[in-house]
Amino acid sequence: MTRRLARILLAVIFVAALLGPAISGRSYSEQYRDSAGEPPSARFPLGTDDLGRDRFARLLWGSAVSLALAPGAALLATLLGAVAGAIAGWKGGWIERALGLCADLFLSLPWLFLLLAVRALLPLDTHPGASLAITFLLLAALGWAGPSRVFRACVLAVRRSDFLLQAKACGTAGWRLLWRYLLPSLIPAARAQFAVAIPLFVLSEANLSLLGLGVAEPLPSLGGLLAELQDYASIPSRPWVLAPAAVLAAVTLGFHAGFGAREEPS
């Protein structure tokens, strides 16, 4: 029941984030200079920021950016990990050792600090669209190593299985073995890795944007909206600025409860 409710919550958040910008009818960059710094009202449900921008509209746009970026990066990282792991497990030999060493190297490095270092080497005054693409590609390029080890283990299990040996004995070879026996066995692992990677990338993007190294202004993201919380002394008088943190926590907990490991009954 908890798992189902968590998935429903995630679905509601995703639909609201993706359709909200169109429904709100307001741009994330439009400034209402005569209403700068206003508290929540009927006109502005979450008030306005210091530049007079509608917080609620920016929250919808930022959620849409982050919740579109993270699944896209998770999908690409899962595909890269699947290709690397499948090649390593299927070919074996020096190819398996080389890909395994690359994956171990990526996993041994401090992942978040590596992400920050690589992003910091790139220009900071980039176009918002370019910063979005850079963040997307960085998350995917640095997140393939973990899934690759899972896929490699799956492929090794298939390679050593009796049904694959019987298929080879019956004359099945080449691409037919891959399409008929290998790929179907990777689908459950791919679903699990994809679901696990999304909240990880949501938090990673939030960390990057919070430090000014992610999605560039004026395009909002959940991490960029969290930057206001650095003025923590003003939070008690402006609790509505916690809305992006609430959305981020709901997404993370929703994925954990909705797609986390199921407890086995004792």
Foldseek 3Di string as FASTA:
>chain_A
DLLVVLVVLLVVLQCCLQCVLVVVVDDQPDADQVQEPHDADPVQNHGHHNRRGRPVNLLSLQSNLLLVLLLLLLLLLLVLLLVQLLCLQPVPDPSVVVSLVVLVVLVVDPLLVVLLVVLVVDDLPDDLVVLSVVLSVSSSVSRNSVSNNVNNVQSNCQVPDPVLVVCVVVPDDDPCCCVPRNVVSCVVSSVLSSLVRRLVSSVSQLVCLLVSRGRHPPRHHLNVLCVVCVPVVCCVVNVSSCVSVVSSVSNNVSSCSNRNDDDDDD
